Amino acid sequence: MRVLLADDQPKVRAALRLILEQLKKVEIIEEVVDAKSLIDRLEGSNPDLLLLDWELPGLQPGLSFNELRSHNQALKVIVLSARISNDQFAPFQSNPPCGADAFISKCDPPERLFATLHAFGTD
């Protein structure tokens, strides 16, 4: 699974990289720090999975994840946030204009990310 990390915080990206590198079928292909870079890299790198910071600089509040998928229809999107809890995000997951595949709080243990990736077919 080819992964694009989108988070402006270097420590968060480093932690995610450390977690993801433990998985055999995961390849981190790009890291971006803002929405413009994200759009540019989605067009050029063709990831299978996007780990997206909910508060990525430049990300417009009304942006649909389906718009992000216009570059790759099979793209899975996992939203990460330190400020929104799983319960608060639940309505966004079921709301068709949003269309995120999963939400993980940055406060969740790594096992939650592993379980989510496993559900997407990653060992």
PDB file of N, CA and C in Angstrom:
ATOM      1  N   MET A   1       0.852  -1.173   0.000  1.00  0.00           N
ATOM      2  CA  MET A   1       0.000   0.000   0.000  1.00  0.00           C
ATOM      3  C   MET A   1       0.897   1.235   0.000  1.00  0.00           C
ATOM      4  N   ARG A   2       0.670   2.096  -0.955  1.00  0.00           N
ATOM      5  CA  ARG A   2       1.445   3.337  -1.099  1.00  0.00           C
ATOM      6  C   ARG A   2       0.744   4.450  -0.327  1.00  0.00           C
ATOM      7  N   VAL A   3       1.483   5.069   0.611  1.00  0.00           N
ATOM      8  CA  VAL A   3       0.888   6.030   1.544  1.00  0.00           C
ATOM      9  C   VAL A   3       1.472   7.421   1.339  1.00  0.00           C
ATOM     10  N   LEU A   4       0.567   8.405   1.356  1.00  0.00           N
ATOM     11  CA  LEU A   4       0.945   9.813   1.337  1.00  0.00           C
ATOM     12  C   LEU A   4       0.595  10.400   2.700  1.00  0.00           C
ATOM     13  N   LEU A   5       1.588  10.947   3.407  1.00  0.00           N
ATOM     14  CA  LEU A   5       1.381  11.580   4.708  1.00  0.00           C
ATOM     15  C   LEU A   5       1.199  13.079   4.511  1.00  0.00           C
ATOM     16  N   ALA A   6       0.102  13.616   5.049  1.00  0.00           N
ATOM     17  CA  ALA A   6      -0.162  15.048   4.919  1.00  0.00           C
ATOM     18  C   ALA A   6      -0.389  15.639   6.305  1.00  0.00           C
ATOM     19  N   ASP A   7       0.658  16.214   6.872  1.00  0.00           N
ATOM     20  CA  ASP A   7       0.592  16.828   8.195  1.00  0.00           C
ATOM     21  C   ASP A   7       1.697  17.871   8.272  1.00  0.00           C
ATOM     22  N   ASP A   8       1.387  19.018   8.832  1.00  0.00           N
ATOM     23  CA  ASP A   8       2.380  20.093   8.889  1.00  0.00           C
ATOM     24  C   ASP A   8       3.340  19.972  10.065  1.00  0.00           C
ATOM     25  N   GLN A   9       3.087  19.043  10.968  1.00  0.00           N
ATOM     26  CA  GLN A   9       3.936  18.908  12.151  1.00  0.00           C
ATOM     27  C   GLN A   9       4.992  17.813  11.935  1.00  0.00           C
ATOM     28  N   PRO A  10       6.273  18.190  11.910  1.00  0.00           N
ATOM     29  CA  PRO A  10       7.334  17.210  11.662  1.00  0.00           C
ATOM     30  C   PRO A  10       7.332  16.045  12.655  1.00  0.00           C
ATOM     31  N   LYS A  11       7.035  16.315  13.926  1.00  0.00           N
ATOM     32  CA  LYS A  11       7.038  15.246  14.924  1.00  0.00           C
ATOM     33  C   LYS A  11       5.914  14.247  14.674  1.00  0.00           C
ATOM     34  N   VAL A  12       4.774  14.733  14.230  1.00  0.00           N
ATOM     35  CA  VAL A  12       3.652  13.836  13.919  1.00  0.00           C
ATOM     36  C   VAL A  12       4.006  12.977  12.712  1.00  0.00           C
ATOM     37  N   ARG A  13       4.559  13.599  11.665  1.00  0.00           N
ATOM     38  CA  ARG A  13       4.948  12.829  10.478  1.00  0.00           C
ATOM     39  C   ARG A  13       6.002  11.781  10.836  1.00  0.00           C
ATOM     40  N   ALA A  14       6.959  12.150  11.674  1.00  0.00           N
ATOM     41  CA  ALA A  14       8.002  11.203  12.079  1.00  0.00           C
ATOM     42  C   ALA A  14       7.401  10.039  12.861  1.00  0.00           C
ATOM     43  N   ALA A  15       6.467  10.328  13.751  1.00  0.00           N
ATOM     44  CA  ALA A  15       5.817   9.263  14.531  1.00  0.00           C
ATOM     45  C   ALA A  15       5.011   8.346  13.618  1.00  0.00           C
ATOM     46  N   LEU A  16       4.263   8.930  12.690  1.00  0.00           N
ATOM     47  CA  LEU A  16       3.487   8.114  11.751  1.00  0.00           C
ATOM     48  C   LEU A  16       4.401   7.250  10.893  1.00  0.00           C
ATOM     49  N   ARG A  17       5.492   7.837  10.449  1.00  0.00           N
ATOM     50  CA  ARG A  17       6.458   7.070   9.641  1.00  0.00           C
ATOM     51  C   ARG A  17       6.999   5.887  10.450  1.00  0.00           C
ATOM     52  N   LEU A  18       7.356   6.128  11.688  1.00  0.00           N
ATOM     53  CA  LEU A  18       7.877   5.071  12.550  1.00  0.00           C
ATOM     54  C   LEU A  18       6.856   3.941  12.712  1.00  0.00           C
ATOM     55  N   ILE A  19       5.597   4.311  12.904  1.00  0.00           N
ATOM     56  CA  ILE A  19       4.529   3.311  13.048  1.00  0.00           C
ATOM     57  C   ILE A  19       4.337   2.542  11.746  1.00  0.00           C
ATOM     58  N   LEU A  20       4.252   3.269  10.637  1.00  0.00           N
ATOM     59  CA  LEU A  20       3.963   2.636   9.353  1.00  0.00           C
ATOM     60  C   LEU A  20       5.102   1.757   8.852  1.00  0.00           C
ATOM     61  N   GLU A  21       6.327   2.117   9.196  1.00  0.00           N
ATOM     62  CA  GLU A  21       7.466   1.318   8.751  1.00  0.00           C
ATOM     63  C   GLU A  21       7.497  -0.070   9.373  1.00  0.00           C
ATOM     64  N   GLN A  22       6.690  -0.294  10.391  1.00  0.00           N
ATOM     65  CA  GLN A  22       6.599  -1.618  11.007  1.00  0.00           C
ATOM     66  C   GLN A  22       5.750  -2.576  10.167  1.00  0.00           C
ATOM     67  N   LEU A  23       5.010  -2.047   9.208  1.00  0.00           N
ATOM     68  CA  LEU A  23       4.123  -2.861   8.390  1.00  0.00           C
ATOM     69  C   LEU A  23       4.813  -3.236   7.082  1.00  0.00           C
ATOM     70  N   LYS A  24       4.755  -4.504   6.740  1.00  0.00           N
ATOM     71  CA  LYS A  24       5.474  -5.011   5.577  1.00  0.00           C
ATOM     72  C   LYS A  24       4.954  -4.466   4.257  1.00  0.00           C
ATOM     73  N   LYS A  25       3.654  -4.321   4.121  1.00  0.00           N
ATOM     74  CA  LYS A  25       3.067  -3.947   2.834  1.00  0.00           C
ATOM     75  C   LYS A  25       2.817  -2.451   2.693  1.00  0.00           C
ATOM     76  N   VAL A  26       3.490  -1.646   3.500  1.00  0.00           N
ATOM     77  CA  VAL A  26       3.289  -0.200   3.454  1.00  0.00           C
ATOM     78  C   VAL A  26       4.559   0.486   2.968  1.00  0.00           C
ATOM     79  N   GLU A  27       4.374   1.383   2.007  1.00  0.00           N
ATOM     80  CA  GLU A  27       5.465   2.196   1.492  1.00  0.00           C
ATOM     81  C   GLU A  27       5.044   3.661   1.588  1.00  0.00           C
ATOM     82  N   ILE A  28       5.797   4.449   2.321  1.00  0.00           N
ATOM     83  CA  ILE A  28       5.516   5.875   2.413  1.00  0.00           C
ATOM     84  C   ILE A  28       6.179   6.531   1.212  1.00  0.00           C
ATOM     85  N   ILE A  29       5.338   7.068   0.314  1.00  0.00           N
ATOM     86  CA  ILE A  29       5.874   7.584  -0.935  1.00  0.00           C
ATOM     87  C   ILE A  29       6.110   9.087  -0.917  1.00  0.00           C
ATOM     88  N   GLU A  30       5.364   9.800  -0.072  1.00  0.00           N
ATOM     89  CA  GLU A  30       5.502  11.255  -0.011  1.00  0.00           C
ATOM     90  C   GLU A  30       5.093  11.756   1.366  1.00  0.00           C
ATOM     91  N   GLU A  31       5.621  12.925   1.724  1.00  0.00           N
ATOM     92  CA  GLU A  31       5.177  13.671   2.899  1.00  0.00           C
ATOM     93  C   GLU A  31       4.947  15.103   2.439  1.00  0.00           C
ATOM     94  N   VAL A  32       3.786  15.657   2.809  1.00  0.00           N
ATOM     95  CA  VAL A  32       3.478  17.040   2.452  1.00  0.00           C
ATOM     96  C   VAL A  32       3.056  17.800   3.701  1.00  0.00           C
ATOM     97  N   VAL A  33       3.197  19.146   3.637  1.00  0.00           N
ATOM     98  CA  VAL A  33       2.932  19.971   4.814  1.00  0.00           C
ATOM     99  C   VAL A  33       1.813  20.987   4.628  1.00  0.00           C
ATOM    100  N   ASP A  34       1.221  21.035   3.419  1.00  0.00           N
ATOM    101  CA  ASP A  34       0.122  21.965   3.182  1.00  0.00           C
ATOM    102  C   ASP A  34      -0.769  21.441   2.058  1.00  0.00           C
ATOM    103  N   ALA A  35      -1.922  22.077   1.889  1.00  0.00           N
ATOM    104  CA  ALA A  35      -2.920  21.605   0.925  1.00  0.00           C
ATOM    105  C   ALA A  35      -2.429  21.722  -0.519  1.00  0.00           C
ATOM    106  N   LYS A  36      -1.709  22.789  -0.840  1.00  0.00           N
ATOM    107  CA  LYS A  36      -1.212  22.940  -2.206  1.00  0.00           C
ATOM    108  C   LYS A  36      -0.273  21.789  -2.567  1.00  0.00           C
ATOM    109  N   SER A  37       0.650  21.482  -1.670  1.00  0.00           N
ATOM    110  CA  SER A  37       1.572  20.362  -1.906  1.00  0.00           C
ATOM    111  C   SER A  37       0.806  19.043  -2.003  1.00  0.00           C
ATOM    112  N   LEU A  38      -0.223  18.916  -1.186  1.00  0.00           N
ATOM    113  CA  LEU A  38      -1.043  17.703  -1.213  1.00  0.00           C
ATOM    114  C   LEU A  38      -1.663  17.500  -2.589  1.00  0.00           C
ATOM    115  N   ILE A  39      -2.306  18.528  -3.115  1.00  0.00           N
ATOM    116  CA  ILE A  39      -2.936  18.416  -4.429  1.00  0.00           C
ATOM    117  C   ILE A  39      -1.895  18.112  -5.502  1.00  0.00           C
ATOM    118  N   ASP A  40      -0.760  18.785  -5.455  1.00  0.00           N
ATOM    119  CA  ASP A  40       0.313  18.537  -6.425  1.00  0.00           C
ATOM    120  C   ASP A  40       0.781  17.091  -6.370  1.00  0.00           C
ATOM    121  N   ARG A  41       0.962  16.570  -5.170  1.00  0.00           N
ATOM    122  CA  ARG A  41       1.498  15.207  -5.019  1.00  0.00           C
ATOM    123  C   ARG A  41       0.441  14.144  -5.324  1.00  0.00           C
ATOM    124  N   LEU A  42      -0.825  14.422  -5.058  1.00  0.00           N
ATOM    125  CA  LEU A  42      -1.869  13.466  -5.416  1.00  0.00           C
ATOM    126  C   LEU A  42      -1.880  13.237  -6.917  1.00  0.00           C
ATOM    127  N   GLU A  43      -1.649  14.293  -7.678  1.00  0.00           N
ATOM    128  CA  GLU A  43      -1.652  14.182  -9.129  1.00  0.00           C
ATOM    129  C   GLU A  43      -0.460  13.381  -9.630  1.00  0.00           C
ATOM    130  N   GLY A  44       0.665  13.469  -8.932  1.00  0.00           N
ATOM    131  CA  GLY A  44       1.871  12.846  -9.453  1.00  0.00           C
ATOM    132  C   GLY A  44       2.283  11.525  -8.840  1.00  0.00           C
ATOM    133  N   SER A  45       1.823  11.220  -7.627  1.00  0.00           N
ATOM    134  CA  SER A  45       2.371  10.047  -6.944  1.00  0.00           C
ATOM    135  C   SER A  45       1.425   8.848  -6.874  1.00  0.00           C
ATOM    136  N   ASN A  46       0.143   9.049  -7.117  1.00  0.00           N
ATOM    137  CA  ASN A  46      -0.843   7.978  -7.152  1.00  0.00           C
ATOM    138  C   ASN A  46      -0.824   7.075  -5.906  1.00  0.00           C
ATOM    139  N   PRO A  47      -1.029   7.646  -4.714  1.00  0.00           N
ATOM    140  CA  PRO A  47      -1.043   6.821  -3.489  1.00  0.00           C
ATOM    141  C   PRO A  47      -2.320   5.982  -3.394  1.00  0.00           C
ATOM    142  N   ASP A  48      -2.241   4.939  -2.588  1.00  0.00           N
ATOM    143  CA  ASP A  48      -3.416   4.112  -2.277  1.00  0.00           C
ATOM    144  C   ASP A  48      -4.135   4.655  -1.054  1.00  0.00           C
ATOM    145  N   LEU A  49      -3.369   5.318  -0.168  1.00  0.00           N
ATOM    146  CA  LEU A  49      -3.894   5.802   1.101  1.00  0.00           C
ATOM    147  C   LEU A  49      -3.361   7.197   1.388  1.00  0.00           C
ATOM    148  N   LEU A  50      -4.255   8.048   1.870  1.00  0.00           N
ATOM    149  CA  LEU A  50      -3.890   9.389   2.306  1.00  0.00           C
ATOM    150  C   LEU A  50      -4.156   9.487   3.800  1.00  0.00           C
ATOM    151  N   LEU A  51      -3.108   9.761   4.586  1.00  0.00           N
ATOM    152  CA  LEU A  51      -3.258  10.071   6.009  1.00  0.00           C
ATOM    153  C   LEU A  51      -3.253  11.585   6.097  1.00  0.00           C
ATOM    154  N   LEU A  52      -4.418  12.166   6.392  1.00  0.00           N
ATOM    155  CA  LEU A  52      -4.634  13.591   6.255  1.00  0.00           C
ATOM    156  C   LEU A  52      -4.938  14.264   7.587  1.00  0.00           C
ATOM    157  N   ASP A  53      -4.110  15.239   7.933  1.00  0.00           N
ATOM    158  CA  ASP A  53      -4.365  16.070   9.106  1.00  0.00           C
ATOM    159  C   ASP A  53      -5.601  16.919   8.835  1.00  0.00           C
ATOM    160  N   TRP A  54      -6.598  16.837   9.724  1.00  0.00           N
ATOM    161  CA  TRP A  54      -7.849  17.573   9.589  1.00  0.00           C
ATOM    162  C   TRP A  54      -7.616  19.073   9.493  1.00  0.00           C
ATOM    163  N   GLU A  55      -6.513  19.556  10.078  1.00  0.00           N
ATOM    164  CA  GLU A  55      -6.207  20.986  10.080  1.00  0.00           C
ATOM    165  C   GLU A  55      -4.976  21.302   9.232  1.00  0.00           C
ATOM    166  N   LEU A  56      -4.806  20.585   8.143  1.00  0.00           N
ATOM    167  CA  LEU A  56      -3.673  20.831   7.252  1.00  0.00           C
ATOM    168  C   LEU A  56      -3.741  22.265   6.721  1.00  0.00           C
ATOM    169  N   PRO A  57      -2.666  23.038   6.844  1.00  0.00           N
ATOM    170  CA  PRO A  57      -2.691  24.420   6.359  1.00  0.00           C
ATOM    171  C   PRO A  57      -3.127  24.499   4.891  1.00  0.00           C
ATOM    172  N   GLY A  58      -4.069  25.414   4.646  1.00  0.00           N
ATOM    173  CA  GLY A  58      -4.570  25.632   3.298  1.00  0.00           C
ATOM    174  C   GLY A  58      -5.732  24.742   2.898  1.00  0.00           C
ATOM    175  N   LEU A  59      -6.053  23.767   3.744  1.00  0.00           N
ATOM    176  CA  LEU A  59      -7.173  22.870   3.446  1.00  0.00           C
ATOM    177  C   LEU A  59      -8.472  23.625   3.695  1.00  0.00           C
ATOM    178  N   GLN A  60      -9.282  23.732   2.677  1.00  0.00           N
ATOM    179  CA  GLN A  60     -10.519  24.487   2.795  1.00  0.00           C
ATOM    180  C   GLN A  60     -11.573  23.661   3.516  1.00  0.00           C
ATOM    181  N   PRO A  61     -12.299  24.262   4.454  1.00  0.00           N
ATOM    182  CA  PRO A  61     -13.288  23.533   5.251  1.00  0.00           C
ATOM    183  C   PRO A  61     -14.329  22.798   4.422  1.00  0.00           C
ATOM    184  N   GLY A  62     -14.714  23.324   3.273  1.00  0.00           N
ATOM    185  CA  GLY A  62     -15.744  22.676   2.469  1.00  0.00           C
ATOM    186  C   GLY A  62     -15.214  21.630   1.508  1.00  0.00           C
ATOM    187  N   LEU A  63     -13.901  21.384   1.525  1.00  0.00           N
ATOM    188  CA  LEU A  63     -13.323  20.438   0.587  1.00  0.00           C
ATOM    189  C   LEU A  63     -13.839  19.029   0.845  1.00  0.00           C
ATOM    190  N   SER A  64     -14.331  18.415  -0.173  1.00  0.00           N
ATOM    191  CA  SER A  64     -14.818  17.043  -0.075  1.00  0.00           C
ATOM    192  C   SER A  64     -13.664  16.081  -0.343  1.00  0.00           C
ATOM    193  N   PHE A  65     -13.650  14.991   0.390  1.00  0.00           N
ATOM    194  CA  PHE A  65     -12.622  13.983   0.134  1.00  0.00           C
ATOM    195  C   PHE A  65     -12.848  13.347  -1.230  1.00  0.00           C
ATOM    196  N   ASN A  66     -14.073  13.417  -1.718  1.00  0.00           N
ATOM    197  CA  ASN A  66     -14.343  12.936  -3.065  1.00  0.00           C
ATOM    198  C   ASN A  66     -13.613  13.796  -4.096  1.00  0.00           C
ATOM    199  N   GLU A  67     -13.431  15.079  -3.790  1.00  0.00           N
ATOM    200  CA  GLU A  67     -12.638  15.942  -4.668  1.00  0.00           C
ATOM    201  C   GLU A  67     -11.180  15.483  -4.680  1.00  0.00           C
ATOM    202  N   LEU A  68     -10.670  15.087  -3.517  1.00  0.00           N
ATOM    203  CA  LEU A  68      -9.301  14.569  -3.474  1.00  0.00           C
ATOM    204  C   LEU A  68      -9.197  13.281  -4.285  1.00  0.00           C
ATOM    205  N   ARG A  69     -10.263  12.494  -4.275  1.00  0.00           N
ATOM    206  CA  ARG A  69     -10.271  11.241  -5.022  1.00  0.00           C
ATOM    207  C   ARG A  69     -10.404  11.461  -6.531  1.00  0.00           C
ATOM    208  N   SER A  70     -10.645  12.671  -6.960  1.00  0.00           N
ATOM    209  CA  SER A  70     -10.739  12.916  -8.402  1.00  0.00           C
ATOM    210  C   SER A  70      -9.409  12.578  -9.083  1.00  0.00           C
ATOM    211  N   HIS A  71      -8.341  12.537  -8.308  1.00  0.00           N
ATOM    212  CA  HIS A  71      -7.022  12.182  -8.839  1.00  0.00           C
ATOM    213  C   HIS A  71      -6.795  10.672  -8.808  1.00  0.00           C
ATOM    214  N   ASN A  72      -7.557   9.972  -7.965  1.00  0.00           N
ATOM    215  CA  ASN A  72      -7.415   8.518  -7.822  1.00  0.00           C
ATOM    216  C   ASN A  72      -8.686   8.002  -7.157  1.00  0.00           C
ATOM    217  N   GLN A  73      -9.579   7.399  -7.915  1.00  0.00           N
ATOM    218  CA  GLN A  73     -10.881   6.965  -7.408  1.00  0.00           C
ATOM    219  C   GLN A  73     -10.767   5.913  -6.306  1.00  0.00           C
ATOM    220  N   ALA A  74      -9.700   5.137  -6.294  1.00  0.00           N
ATOM    221  CA  ALA A  74      -9.539   4.079  -5.289  1.00  0.00           C
ATOM    222  C   ALA A  74      -8.874   4.582  -4.008  1.00  0.00           C
ATOM    223  N   LEU A  75      -8.521   5.867  -3.949  1.00  0.00           N
ATOM    224  CA  LEU A  75      -7.816   6.420  -2.795  1.00  0.00           C
ATOM    225  C   LEU A  75      -8.625   6.261  -1.511  1.00  0.00           C
ATOM    226  N   LYS A  76      -8.004   5.708  -0.494  1.00  0.00           N
ATOM    227  CA  LYS A  76      -8.579   5.645   0.846  1.00  0.00           C
ATOM    228  C   LYS A  76      -8.075   6.858   1.613  1.00  0.00           C
ATOM    229  N   VAL A  77      -8.968   7.460   2.420  1.00  0.00           N
ATOM    230  CA  VAL A  77      -8.600   8.654   3.180  1.00  0.00           C
ATOM    231  C   VAL A  77      -8.845   8.405   4.664  1.00  0.00           C
ATOM    232  N   ILE A  78      -7.778   8.519   5.451  1.00  0.00           N
ATOM    233  CA  ILE A  78      -7.885   8.467   6.906  1.00  0.00           C
ATOM    234  C   ILE A  78      -7.574   9.865   7.425  1.00  0.00           C
ATOM    235  N   VAL A  79      -8.518  10.426   8.151  1.00  0.00           N
ATOM    236  CA  VAL A  79      -8.356  11.761   8.722  1.00  0.00           C
ATOM    237  C   VAL A  79      -7.778  11.626  10.124  1.00  0.00           C
ATOM    238  N   LEU A  80      -6.802  12.481  10.421  1.00  0.00           N
ATOM    239  CA  LEU A  80      -6.161  12.527  11.736  1.00  0.00           C
ATOM    240  C   LEU A  80      -6.443  13.879  12.376  1.00  0.00           C
ATOM    241  N   SER A  81      -6.734  13.868  13.669  1.00  0.00           N
ATOM    242  CA  SER A  81      -6.927  15.132  14.375  1.00  0.00           C
ATOM    243  C   SER A  81      -6.572  14.976  15.846  1.00  0.00           C
ATOM    244  N   ALA A  82      -6.005  16.033  16.393  1.00  0.00           N
ATOM    245  CA  ALA A  82      -5.717  16.057  17.826  1.00  0.00           C
ATOM    246  C   ALA A  82      -6.833  16.749  18.590  1.00  0.00           C
ATOM    247  N   ARG A  83      -7.694  17.485  17.883  1.00  0.00           N
ATOM    248  CA  ARG A  83      -8.711  18.289  18.553  1.00  0.00           C
ATOM    249  C   ARG A  83     -10.118  17.724  18.468  1.00  0.00           C
ATOM    250  N   ILE A  84     -10.352  16.810  17.555  1.00  0.00           N
ATOM    251  CA  ILE A  84     -11.689  16.247  17.382  1.00  0.00           C
ATOM    252  C   ILE A  84     -11.657  14.802  17.848  1.00  0.00           C
ATOM    253  N   SER A  85     -12.630  14.410  18.648  1.00  0.00           N
ATOM    254  CA  SER A  85     -12.693  13.031  19.128  1.00  0.00           C
ATOM    255  C   SER A  85     -13.375  12.151  18.090  1.00  0.00           C
ATOM    256  N   ASN A  86     -13.258  10.844  18.274  1.00  0.00           N
ATOM    257  CA  ASN A  86     -13.902   9.892  17.367  1.00  0.00           C
ATOM    258  C   ASN A  86     -15.404  10.139  17.301  1.00  0.00           C
ATOM    259  N   ASP A  87     -16.042  10.395  18.431  1.00  0.00           N
ATOM    260  CA  ASP A  87     -17.485  10.635  18.462  1.00  0.00           C
ATOM    261  C   ASP A  87     -17.864  11.899  17.709  1.00  0.00           C
ATOM    262  N   GLN A  88     -17.071  12.940  17.836  1.00  0.00           N
ATOM    263  CA  GLN A  88     -17.365  14.193  17.146  1.00  0.00           C
ATOM    264  C   GLN A  88     -17.222  14.064  15.636  1.00  0.00           C
ATOM    265  N   PHE A  89     -16.341  13.181  15.196  1.00  0.00           N
ATOM    266  CA  PHE A  89     -16.096  13.040  13.770  1.00  0.00           C
ATOM    267  C   PHE A  89     -17.070  12.082  13.101  1.00  0.00           C
ATOM    268  N   ALA A  90     -17.731  11.221  13.846  1.00  0.00           N
ATOM    269  CA  ALA A  90     -18.611  10.193  13.272  1.00  0.00           C
ATOM    270  C   ALA A  90     -19.598  10.735  12.239  1.00  0.00           C
ATOM    271  N   PRO A  91     -20.268  11.853  12.480  1.00  0.00           N
ATOM    272  CA  PRO A  91     -21.204  12.346  11.466  1.00  0.00           C
ATOM    273  C   PRO A  91     -20.540  12.683  10.132  1.00  0.00           C
ATOM    274  N   PHE A  92     -19.284  13.099  10.159  1.00  0.00           N
ATOM    275  CA  PHE A  92     -18.595  13.434   8.919  1.00  0.00           C
ATOM    276  C   PHE A  92     -18.317  12.193   8.072  1.00  0.00           C
ATOM    277  N   GLN A  93     -18.059  11.059   8.728  1.00  0.00           N
ATOM    278  CA  GLN A  93     -17.762   9.843   7.990  1.00  0.00           C
ATOM    279  C   GLN A  93     -18.969   9.353   7.202  1.00  0.00           C
ATOM    280  N   SER A  94     -20.154   9.520   7.736  1.00  0.00           N
ATOM    281  CA  SER A  94     -21.338   9.009   7.060  1.00  0.00           C
ATOM    282  C   SER A  94     -21.958  10.044   6.140  1.00  0.00           C
ATOM    283  N   ASN A  95     -21.441  11.248   6.148  1.00  0.00           N
ATOM    284  CA  ASN A  95     -21.979  12.327   5.336  1.00  0.00           C
ATOM    285  C   ASN A  95     -21.374  12.242   3.934  1.00  0.00           C
ATOM    286  N   PRO A  96     -22.171  11.915   2.912  1.00  0.00           N
ATOM    287  CA  PRO A  96     -21.615  11.734   1.559  1.00  0.00           C
ATOM    288  C   PRO A  96     -20.762  12.881   1.042  1.00  0.00           C
ATOM    289  N   PRO A  97     -21.079  14.167   1.324  1.00  0.00           N
ATOM    290  CA  PRO A  97     -20.186  15.201   0.811  1.00  0.00           C
ATOM    291  C   PRO A  97     -18.776  15.126   1.391  1.00  0.00           C
ATOM    292  N   CYS A  98     -18.623  14.536   2.553  1.00  0.00           N
ATOM    293  CA  CYS A  98     -17.298  14.445   3.169  1.00  0.00           C
ATOM    294  C   CYS A  98     -16.581  13.206   2.650  1.00  0.00           C
ATOM    295  N   GLY A  99     -17.071  12.045   2.992  1.00  0.00           N
ATOM    296  CA  GLY A  99     -16.570  10.808   2.420  1.00  0.00           C
ATOM    297  C   GLY A  99     -15.243  10.287   2.917  1.00  0.00           C
ATOM    298  N   ALA A 100     -14.812  10.635   4.122  1.00  0.00           N
ATOM    299  CA  ALA A 100     -13.587  10.029   4.658  1.00  0.00           C
ATOM    300  C   ALA A 100     -13.846   8.550   4.934  1.00  0.00           C
ATOM    301  N   ASP A 101     -12.816   7.728   4.780  1.00  0.00           N
ATOM    302  CA  ASP A 101     -12.955   6.296   5.029  1.00  0.00           C
ATOM    303  C   ASP A 101     -12.800   5.956   6.500  1.00  0.00           C
ATOM    304  N   ALA A 102     -12.037   6.764   7.225  1.00  0.00           N
ATOM    305  CA  ALA A 102     -11.820   6.501   8.648  1.00  0.00           C
ATOM    306  C   ALA A 102     -11.317   7.776   9.315  1.00  0.00           C
ATOM    307  N   PHE A 103     -11.482   7.805  10.618  1.00  0.00           N
ATOM    308  CA  PHE A 103     -10.974   8.898  11.434  1.00  0.00           C
ATOM    309  C   PHE A 103     -10.183   8.295  12.577  1.00  0.00           C
ATOM    310  N   ILE A 104      -9.025   8.873  12.844  1.00  0.00           N
ATOM    311  CA  ILE A 104      -8.206   8.439  13.974  1.00  0.00           C
ATOM    312  C   ILE A 104      -7.740   9.676  14.717  1.00  0.00           C
ATOM    313  N   SER A 105      -7.979   9.681  16.001  1.00  0.00           N
ATOM    314  CA  SER A 105      -7.470  10.766  16.824  1.00  0.00           C
ATOM    315  C   SER A 105      -5.968  10.583  16.979  1.00  0.00           C
ATOM    316  N   LYS A 106      -5.242  11.682  16.956  1.00  0.00           N
ATOM    317  CA  LYS A 106      -3.800  11.609  17.164  1.00  0.00           C
ATOM    318  C   LYS A 106      -3.469  11.139  18.576  1.00  0.00           C
ATOM    319  N   CYS A 107      -4.467  11.137  19.449  1.00  0.00           N
ATOM    320  CA  CYS A 107      -4.286  10.660  20.822  1.00  0.00           C
ATOM    321  C   CYS A 107      -4.534   9.158  20.944  1.00  0.00           C
ATOM    322  N   ASP A 108      -5.081   8.529  19.905  1.00  0.00           N
ATOM    323  CA  ASP A 108      -5.342   7.097  19.933  1.00  0.00           C
ATOM    324  C   ASP A 108      -4.029   6.324  19.966  1.00  0.00           C
ATOM    325  N   PRO A 109      -4.034   5.124  20.539  1.00  0.00           N
ATOM    326  CA  PRO A 109      -2.828   4.301  20.512  1.00  0.00           C
ATOM    327  C   PRO A 109      -2.553   3.808  19.084  1.00  0.00           C
ATOM    328  N   PRO A 110      -1.295   3.471  18.776  1.00  0.00           N
ATOM    329  CA  PRO A 110      -0.948   2.989  17.431  1.00  0.00           C
ATOM    330  C   PRO A 110      -1.786   1.794  16.979  1.00  0.00           C
ATOM    331  N   GLU A 111      -2.253   1.001  17.916  1.00  0.00           N
ATOM    332  CA  GLU A 111      -3.045  -0.183  17.565  1.00  0.00           C
ATOM    333  C   GLU A 111      -4.309   0.194  16.779  1.00  0.00           C
ATOM    334  N   ARG A 112      -4.845   1.358  17.045  1.00  0.00           N
ATOM    335  CA  ARG A 112      -6.036   1.794  16.300  1.00  0.00           C
ATOM    336  C   ARG A 112      -5.693   2.040  14.826  1.00  0.00           C
ATOM    337  N   LEU A 113      -4.550   2.651  14.573  1.00  0.00           N
ATOM    338  CA  LEU A 113      -4.113   2.843  13.197  1.00  0.00           C
ATOM    339  C   LEU A 113      -3.845   1.492  12.537  1.00  0.00           C
ATOM    340  N   PHE A 114      -3.166   0.588  13.255  1.00  0.00           N
ATOM    341  CA  PHE A 114      -2.904  -0.751  12.719  1.00  0.00           C
ATOM    342  C   PHE A 114      -4.210  -1.456  12.360  1.00  0.00           C
ATOM    343  N   ALA A 115      -5.201  -1.397  13.244  1.00  0.00           N
ATOM    344  CA  ALA A 115      -6.488  -2.050  12.997  1.00  0.00           C
ATOM    345  C   ALA A 115      -7.180  -1.458  11.773  1.00  0.00           C
ATOM    346  N   THR A 116      -7.113  -0.154  11.635  1.00  0.00           N
ATOM    347  CA  THR A 116      -7.730   0.499  10.477  1.00  0.00           C
ATOM    348  C   THR A 116      -7.029   0.097   9.198  1.00  0.00           C
ATOM    349  N   LEU A 117      -5.704   0.094   9.216  1.00  0.00           N
ATOM    350  CA  LEU A 117      -4.957  -0.316   8.029  1.00  0.00           C
ATOM    351  C   LEU A 117      -5.213  -1.778   7.714  1.00  0.00           C
ATOM    352  N   HIS A 118      -5.319  -2.608   8.721  1.00  0.00           N
ATOM    353  CA  HIS A 118      -5.620  -4.026   8.516  1.00  0.00           C
ATOM    354  C   HIS A 118      -6.971  -4.190   7.821  1.00  0.00           C
ATOM    355  N   ALA A 119      -7.936  -3.377   8.216  1.00  0.00           N
ATOM    356  CA  ALA A 119      -9.257  -3.414   7.579  1.00  0.00           C
ATOM    357  C   ALA A 119      -9.183  -3.018   6.105  1.00  0.00           C
ATOM    358  N   PHE A 120      -8.157  -2.238   5.756  1.00  0.00           N
ATOM    359  CA  PHE A 120      -7.951  -1.845   4.358  1.00  0.00           C
ATOM    360  C   PHE A 120      -7.094  -2.863   3.608  1.00  0.00           C
ATOM    361  N   GLY A 121      -6.725  -3.951   4.266  1.00  0.00           N
ATOM    362  CA  GLY A 121      -5.985  -5.015   3.591  1.00  0.00           C
ATOM    363  C   GLY A 121      -4.484  -4.962   3.754  1.00  0.00           C
ATOM    364  N   THR A 122      -4.006  -4.290   4.788  1.00  0.00           N
ATOM    365  CA  THR A 122      -2.566  -4.205   5.042  1.00  0.00           C
ATOM    366  C   THR A 122      -2.219  -5.073   6.239  1.00  0.00           C
ATOM    367  N   ASP A 123      -1.134  -5.810   6.129  1.00  0.00           N
ATOM    368  CA  ASP A 123      -0.662  -6.644   7.253  1.00  0.00           C
ATOM    369  C   ASP A 123       0.313  -5.888   8.110  1.00  0.00           C
TER     370      ASP A 123
END
